[in-house]
Amino acid sequence: MNIHDEKFAWMVKIGEKGQFVIPKEARDMFQLNPGDEILVLGDIKKGIAILPKSKQKEYIRQIFNEISD
């Protein structure tokens, strides 16, 4: 679902084992394929973020910069 410009949201259901399926539209948009690695980040106040491997280094660098400030 397109929320605003380049912002999207999808509803997913969590299964009995805690798993969920990334919607096809999102997998296509972010070029996620079977076997790809993703990074899951959690923040008690902000929620969960899922990053494709191609963006991990950039975001990890930003996170550590914020932590050290």
PDB file of N, CA and C in Angstrom:
ATOM      1  N   MET A   1       0.841  -1.161   0.000  1.00  0.00           N
ATOM      2  CA  MET A   1       0.000   0.000   0.000  1.00  0.00           C
ATOM      3  C   MET A   1       0.897   1.238   0.000  1.00  0.00           C
ATOM      4  N   ASN A   2       0.713   2.129  -0.956  1.00  0.00           N
ATOM      5  CA  ASN A   2       1.476   3.369  -1.033  1.00  0.00           C
ATOM      6  C   ASN A   2       0.871   4.370  -0.062  1.00  0.00           C
ATOM      7  N   ILE A   3       1.657   4.829   0.889  1.00  0.00           N
ATOM      8  CA  ILE A   3       1.175   5.765   1.902  1.00  0.00           C
ATOM      9  C   ILE A   3       1.383   7.209   1.464  1.00  0.00           C
ATOM     10  N   HIS A   4       2.598   7.522   1.009  1.00  0.00           N
ATOM     11  CA  HIS A   4       2.910   8.890   0.608  1.00  0.00           C
ATOM     12  C   HIS A   4       4.222   8.856  -0.167  1.00  0.00           C
ATOM     13  N   ASP A   5       4.223   9.362  -1.380  1.00  0.00           N
ATOM     14  CA  ASP A   5       5.409   9.385  -2.226  1.00  0.00           C
ATOM     15  C   ASP A   5       6.129   8.036  -2.225  1.00  0.00           C
ATOM     16  N   GLU A   6       7.264   7.952  -1.575  1.00  0.00           N
ATOM     17  CA  GLU A   6       8.044   6.716  -1.562  1.00  0.00           C
ATOM     18  C   GLU A   6       7.897   5.955  -0.248  1.00  0.00           C
ATOM     19  N   LYS A   7       6.782   6.141   0.442  1.00  0.00           N
ATOM     20  CA  LYS A   7       6.527   5.465   1.720  1.00  0.00           C
ATOM     21  C   LYS A   7       5.440   4.414   1.503  1.00  0.00           C
ATOM     22  N   PHE A   8       5.654   3.213   2.045  1.00  0.00           N
ATOM     23  CA  PHE A   8       4.730   2.103   1.842  1.00  0.00           C
ATOM     24  C   PHE A   8       4.455   1.403   3.162  1.00  0.00           C
ATOM     25  N   ALA A   9       3.343   0.707   3.234  1.00  0.00           N
ATOM     26  CA  ALA A   9       2.996  -0.092   4.404  1.00  0.00           C
ATOM     27  C   ALA A   9       2.260  -1.339   3.935  1.00  0.00           C
ATOM     28  N   TRP A  10       2.515  -2.446   4.610  1.00  0.00           N
ATOM     29  CA  TRP A  10       1.830  -3.702   4.319  1.00  0.00           C
ATOM     30  C   TRP A  10       1.444  -4.350   5.632  1.00  0.00           C
ATOM     31  N   MET A  11       0.313  -5.016   5.652  1.00  0.00           N
ATOM     32  CA  MET A  11      -0.109  -5.791   6.817  1.00  0.00           C
ATOM     33  C   MET A  11       0.315  -7.236   6.594  1.00  0.00           C
ATOM     34  N   VAL A  12       0.888  -7.863   7.601  1.00  0.00           N
ATOM     35  CA  VAL A  12       1.264  -9.270   7.532  1.00  0.00           C
ATOM     36  C   VAL A  12       0.789  -9.958   8.807  1.00  0.00           C
ATOM     37  N   LYS A  13       0.602 -11.250   8.730  1.00  0.00           N
ATOM     38  CA  LYS A  13       0.178 -12.035   9.888  1.00  0.00           C
ATOM     39  C   LYS A  13       1.367 -12.854  10.392  1.00  0.00           C
ATOM     40  N   ILE A  14       1.559 -12.861  11.687  1.00  0.00           N
ATOM     41  CA  ILE A  14       2.626 -13.649  12.296  1.00  0.00           C
ATOM     42  C   ILE A  14       2.075 -15.040  12.583  1.00  0.00           C
ATOM     43  N   GLY A  15       2.785 -16.051  12.109  1.00  0.00           N
ATOM     44  CA  GLY A  15       2.367 -17.434  12.294  1.00  0.00           C
ATOM     45  C   GLY A  15       2.707 -17.961  13.674  1.00  0.00           C
ATOM     46  N   GLU A  16       2.348 -19.214  13.922  1.00  0.00           N
ATOM     47  CA  GLU A  16       2.552 -19.849  15.228  1.00  0.00           C
ATOM     48  C   GLU A  16       4.021 -19.902  15.633  1.00  0.00           C
ATOM     49  N   LYS A  17       4.919 -19.979  14.670  1.00  0.00           N
ATOM     50  CA  LYS A  17       6.356 -20.045  14.967  1.00  0.00           C
ATOM     51  C   LYS A  17       7.012 -18.662  14.984  1.00  0.00           C
ATOM     52  N   GLY A  18       6.212 -17.605  14.928  1.00  0.00           N
ATOM     53  CA  GLY A  18       6.751 -16.244  14.943  1.00  0.00           C
ATOM     54  C   GLY A  18       7.229 -15.772  13.590  1.00  0.00           C
ATOM     55  N   GLN A  19       6.932 -16.512  12.542  1.00  0.00           N
ATOM     56  CA  GLN A  19       7.372 -16.153  11.202  1.00  0.00           C
ATOM     57  C   GLN A  19       6.299 -15.337  10.484  1.00  0.00           C
ATOM     58  N   PHE A  20       6.747 -14.526   9.529  1.00  0.00           N
ATOM     59  CA  PHE A  20       5.809 -13.833   8.652  1.00  0.00           C
ATOM     60  C   PHE A  20       6.390 -13.791   7.250  1.00  0.00           C
ATOM     61  N   VAL A  21       5.517 -13.598   6.287  1.00  0.00           N
ATOM     62  CA  VAL A  21       5.925 -13.545   4.885  1.00  0.00           C
ATOM     63  C   VAL A  21       6.008 -12.084   4.463  1.00  0.00           C
ATOM     64  N   ILE A  22       7.128 -11.699   3.883  1.00  0.00           N
ATOM     65  CA  ILE A  22       7.260 -10.354   3.325  1.00  0.00           C
ATOM     66  C   ILE A  22       6.434 -10.329   2.044  1.00  0.00           C
ATOM     67  N   PRO A  23       5.491  -9.393   1.913  1.00  0.00           N
ATOM     68  CA  PRO A  23       4.625  -9.370   0.732  1.00  0.00           C
ATOM     69  C   PRO A  23       5.427  -9.296  -0.571  1.00  0.00           C
ATOM     70  N   LYS A  24       4.903  -9.937  -1.609  1.00  0.00           N
ATOM     71  CA  LYS A  24       5.579 -10.000  -2.903  1.00  0.00           C
ATOM     72  C   LYS A  24       5.930  -8.618  -3.421  1.00  0.00           C
ATOM     73  N   GLU A  25       5.014  -7.671  -3.301  1.00  0.00           N
ATOM     74  CA  GLU A  25       5.275  -6.306  -3.777  1.00  0.00           C
ATOM     75  C   GLU A  25       6.519  -5.730  -3.081  1.00  0.00           C
ATOM     76  N   ALA A  26       6.655  -5.971  -1.785  1.00  0.00           N
ATOM     77  CA  ALA A  26       7.818  -5.476  -1.036  1.00  0.00           C
ATOM     78  C   ALA A  26       9.084  -6.228  -1.445  1.00  0.00           C
ATOM     79  N   ARG A  27       8.984  -7.567  -1.612  1.00  0.00           N
ATOM     80  CA  ARG A  27      10.161  -8.342  -2.044  1.00  0.00           C
ATOM     81  C   ARG A  27      10.642  -7.866  -3.403  1.00  0.00           C
ATOM     82  N   ASP A  28       9.721  -7.621  -4.313  1.00  0.00           N
ATOM     83  CA  ASP A  28      10.098  -7.127  -5.642  1.00  0.00           C
ATOM     84  C   ASP A  28      10.721  -5.740  -5.558  1.00  0.00           C
ATOM     85  N   MET A  29      10.102  -4.867  -4.784  1.00  0.00           N
ATOM     86  CA  MET A  29      10.562  -3.482  -4.663  1.00  0.00           C
ATOM     87  C   MET A  29      11.986  -3.414  -4.119  1.00  0.00           C
ATOM     88  N   PHE A  30      12.287  -4.273  -3.133  1.00  0.00           N
ATOM     89  CA  PHE A  30      13.596  -4.240  -2.476  1.00  0.00           C
ATOM     90  C   PHE A  30      14.517  -5.359  -2.946  1.00  0.00           C
ATOM     91  N   GLN A  31      14.115  -6.027  -4.010  1.00  0.00           N
ATOM     92  CA  GLN A  31      14.912  -7.088  -4.640  1.00  0.00           C
ATOM     93  C   GLN A  31      15.368  -8.127  -3.617  1.00  0.00           C
ATOM     94  N   LEU A  32      14.415  -8.611  -2.810  1.00  0.00           N
ATOM     95  CA  LEU A  32      14.684  -9.657  -1.824  1.00  0.00           C
ATOM     96  C   LEU A  32      14.346 -11.003  -2.447  1.00  0.00           C
ATOM     97  N   ASN A  33      15.281 -11.928  -2.365  1.00  0.00           N
ATOM     98  CA  ASN A  33      15.117 -13.236  -2.975  1.00  0.00           C
ATOM     99  C   ASN A  33      15.350 -14.325  -1.940  1.00  0.00           C
ATOM    100  N   PRO A  34      14.817 -15.545  -2.193  1.00  0.00           N
ATOM    101  CA  PRO A  34      15.058 -16.648  -1.266  1.00  0.00           C
ATOM    102  C   PRO A  34      16.561 -16.809  -1.000  1.00  0.00           C
ATOM    103  N   GLY A  35      16.910 -16.966   0.268  1.00  0.00           N
ATOM    104  CA  GLY A  35      18.305 -17.119   0.656  1.00  0.00           C
ATOM    105  C   GLY A  35      19.009 -15.817   0.986  1.00  0.00           C
ATOM    106  N   ASP A  36      18.404 -14.669   0.641  1.00  0.00           N
ATOM    107  CA  ASP A  36      19.007 -13.381   0.982  1.00  0.00           C
ATOM    108  C   ASP A  36      19.012 -13.197   2.495  1.00  0.00           C
ATOM    109  N   GLU A  37      19.987 -12.460   2.990  1.00  0.00           N
ATOM    110  CA  GLU A  37      20.047 -12.121   4.403  1.00  0.00           C
ATOM    111  C   GLU A  37      19.441 -10.743   4.612  1.00  0.00           C
ATOM    112  N   ILE A  38      18.723 -10.594   5.725  1.00  0.00           N
ATOM    113  CA  ILE A  38      18.183  -9.291   6.099  1.00  0.00           C
ATOM    114  C   ILE A  38      18.591  -9.006   7.533  1.00  0.00           C
ATOM    115  N   LEU A  39      18.620  -7.744   7.883  1.00  0.00           N
ATOM    116  CA  LEU A  39      18.953  -7.322   9.238  1.00  0.00           C
ATOM    117  C   LEU A  39      17.665  -6.824   9.888  1.00  0.00           C
ATOM    118  N   VAL A  40      17.361  -7.328  11.081  1.00  0.00           N
ATOM    119  CA  VAL A  40      16.169  -6.895  11.806  1.00  0.00           C
ATOM    120  C   VAL A  40      16.643  -6.075  13.001  1.00  0.00           C
ATOM    121  N   LEU A  41      16.198  -4.824  13.067  1.00  0.00           N
ATOM    122  CA  LEU A  41      16.548  -3.922  14.162  1.00  0.00           C
ATOM    123  C   LEU A  41      15.308  -3.687  15.010  1.00  0.00           C
ATOM    124  N   GLY A  42      15.494  -3.551  16.315  1.00  0.00           N
ATOM    125  CA  GLY A  42      14.366  -3.288  17.201  1.00  0.00           C
ATOM    126  C   GLY A  42      14.641  -2.118  18.117  1.00  0.00           C
ATOM    127  N   ASP A  43      13.628  -1.307  18.304  1.00  0.00           N
ATOM    128  CA  ASP A  43      13.686  -0.169  19.219  1.00  0.00           C
ATOM    129  C   ASP A  43      12.362  -0.177  19.981  1.00  0.00           C
ATOM    130  N   ILE A  44      12.417  -0.264  21.296  1.00  0.00           N
ATOM    131  CA  ILE A  44      11.201  -0.365  22.104  1.00  0.00           C
ATOM    132  C   ILE A  44      10.223   0.756  21.773  1.00  0.00           C
ATOM    133  N   LYS A  45      10.697   1.961  21.539  1.00  0.00           N
ATOM    134  CA  LYS A  45       9.812   3.102  21.275  1.00  0.00           C
ATOM    135  C   LYS A  45       9.401   3.218  19.809  1.00  0.00           C
ATOM    136  N   LYS A  46      10.297   2.831  18.877  1.00  0.00           N
ATOM    137  CA  LYS A  46      10.029   3.053  17.454  1.00  0.00           C
ATOM    138  C   LYS A  46       9.558   1.813  16.717  1.00  0.00           C
ATOM    139  N   GLY A  47       9.824   0.621  17.237  1.00  0.00           N
ATOM    140  CA  GLY A  47       9.371  -0.597  16.587  1.00  0.00           C
ATOM    141  C   GLY A  47      10.493  -1.362  15.914  1.00  0.00           C
ATOM    142  N   ILE A  48      10.114  -2.130  14.891  1.00  0.00           N
ATOM    143  CA  ILE A  48      11.049  -3.022  14.196  1.00  0.00           C
ATOM    144  C   ILE A  48      11.310  -2.498  12.791  1.00  0.00           C
ATOM    145  N   ALA A  49      12.551  -2.593  12.356  1.00  0.00           N
ATOM    146  CA  ALA A  49      12.930  -2.235  10.982  1.00  0.00           C
ATOM    147  C   ALA A  49      13.622  -3.439  10.364  1.00  0.00           C
ATOM    148  N   ILE A  50      13.350  -3.686   9.102  1.00  0.00           N
ATOM    149  CA  ILE A  50      13.958  -4.789   8.370  1.00  0.00           C
ATOM    150  C   ILE A  50      14.752  -4.195   7.221  1.00  0.00           C
ATOM    151  N   LEU A  51      16.043  -4.489   7.170  1.00  0.00           N
ATOM    152  CA  LEU A  51      16.903  -3.905   6.146  1.00  0.00           C
ATOM    153  C   LEU A  51      17.499  -4.986   5.254  1.00  0.00           C
ATOM    154  N   PRO A  52      17.507  -4.750   3.928  1.00  0.00           N
ATOM    155  CA  PRO A  52      18.187  -5.689   3.040  1.00  0.00           C
ATOM    156  C   PRO A  52      19.695  -5.588   3.260  1.00  0.00           C
ATOM    157  N   LYS A  53      20.415  -6.653   2.924  1.00  0.00           N
ATOM    158  CA  LYS A  53      21.860  -6.700   3.145  1.00  0.00           C
ATOM    159  C   LYS A  53      22.581  -5.512   2.506  1.00  0.00           C
ATOM    160  N   SER A  54      22.098  -5.057   1.355  1.00  0.00           N
ATOM    161  CA  SER A  54      22.760  -3.953   0.651  1.00  0.00           C
ATOM    162  C   SER A  54      22.748  -2.650   1.448  1.00  0.00           C
ATOM    163  N   LYS A  55      21.831  -2.508   2.409  1.00  0.00           N
ATOM    164  CA  LYS A  55      21.737  -1.280   3.208  1.00  0.00           C
ATOM    165  C   LYS A  55      22.317  -1.436   4.614  1.00  0.00           C
ATOM    166  N   GLN A  56      22.707  -2.645   4.991  1.00  0.00           N
ATOM    167  CA  GLN A  56      23.124  -2.898   6.366  1.00  0.00           C
ATOM    168  C   GLN A  56      24.327  -2.075   6.797  1.00  0.00           C
ATOM    169  N   LYS A  57      25.365  -2.057   5.992  1.00  0.00           N
ATOM    170  CA  LYS A  57      26.591  -1.344   6.374  1.00  0.00           C
ATOM    171  C   LYS A  57      26.307   0.143   6.620  1.00  0.00           C
ATOM    172  N   GLU A  58      25.529   0.750   5.727  1.00  0.00           N
ATOM    173  CA  GLU A  58      25.186   2.175   5.842  1.00  0.00           C
ATOM    174  C   GLU A  58      24.445   2.460   7.155  1.00  0.00           C
ATOM    175  N   TYR A  59      23.437   1.652   7.472  1.00  0.00           N
ATOM    176  CA  TYR A  59      22.635   1.892   8.664  1.00  0.00           C
ATOM    177  C   TYR A  59      23.390   1.544   9.946  1.00  0.00           C
ATOM    178  N   ILE A  60      24.194   0.486   9.917  1.00  0.00           N
ATOM    179  CA  ILE A  60      24.974   0.137  11.101  1.00  0.00           C
ATOM    180  C   ILE A  60      25.951   1.262  11.424  1.00  0.00           C
ATOM    181  N   ARG A  61      26.571   1.838  10.404  1.00  0.00           N
ATOM    182  CA  ARG A  61      27.489   2.960  10.607  1.00  0.00           C
ATOM    183  C   ARG A  61      26.737   4.133  11.256  1.00  0.00           C
ATOM    184  N   GLN A  62      25.541   4.435  10.766  1.00  0.00           N
ATOM    185  CA  GLN A  62      24.734   5.531  11.330  1.00  0.00           C
ATOM    186  C   GLN A  62      24.366   5.250  12.785  1.00  0.00           C
ATOM    187  N   ILE A  63      23.975   4.021  13.070  1.00  0.00           N
ATOM    188  CA  ILE A  63      23.566   3.657  14.424  1.00  0.00           C
ATOM    189  C   ILE A  63      24.734   3.834  15.386  1.00  0.00           C
ATOM    190  N   PHE A  64      25.912   3.321  15.030  1.00  0.00           N
ATOM    191  CA  PHE A  64      27.060   3.435  15.926  1.00  0.00           C
ATOM    192  C   PHE A  64      27.518   4.880  16.079  1.00  0.00           C
ATOM    193  N   ASN A  65      27.364   5.689  15.048  1.00  0.00           N
ATOM    194  CA  ASN A  65      27.691   7.102  15.164  1.00  0.00           C
ATOM    195  C   ASN A  65      26.757   7.782  16.165  1.00  0.00           C
ATOM    196  N   GLU A  66      25.464   7.441  16.125  1.00  0.00           N
ATOM    197  CA  GLU A  66      24.492   8.034  17.046  1.00  0.00           C
ATOM    198  C   GLU A  66      24.766   7.585  18.483  1.00  0.00           C
ATOM    199  N   ILE A  67      25.147   6.325  18.663  1.00  0.00           N
ATOM    200  CA  ILE A  67      25.406   5.784  19.990  1.00  0.00           C
ATOM    201  C   ILE A  67      26.626   6.451  20.619  1.00  0.00           C
ATOM    202  N   SER A  68      27.651   6.717  19.815  1.00  0.00           N
ATOM    203  CA  SER A  68      28.888   7.290  20.345  1.00  0.00           C
ATOM    204  C   SER A  68      28.794   8.796  20.566  1.00  0.00           C
ATOM    205  N   ASP A  69      27.776   9.453  20.022  1.00  0.00           N
ATOM    206  CA  ASP A  69      27.625  10.919  20.210  1.00  0.00           C
ATOM    207  C   ASP A  69      27.146  11.272  21.597  1.00  0.00           C
TER     208      ASP A  69
END
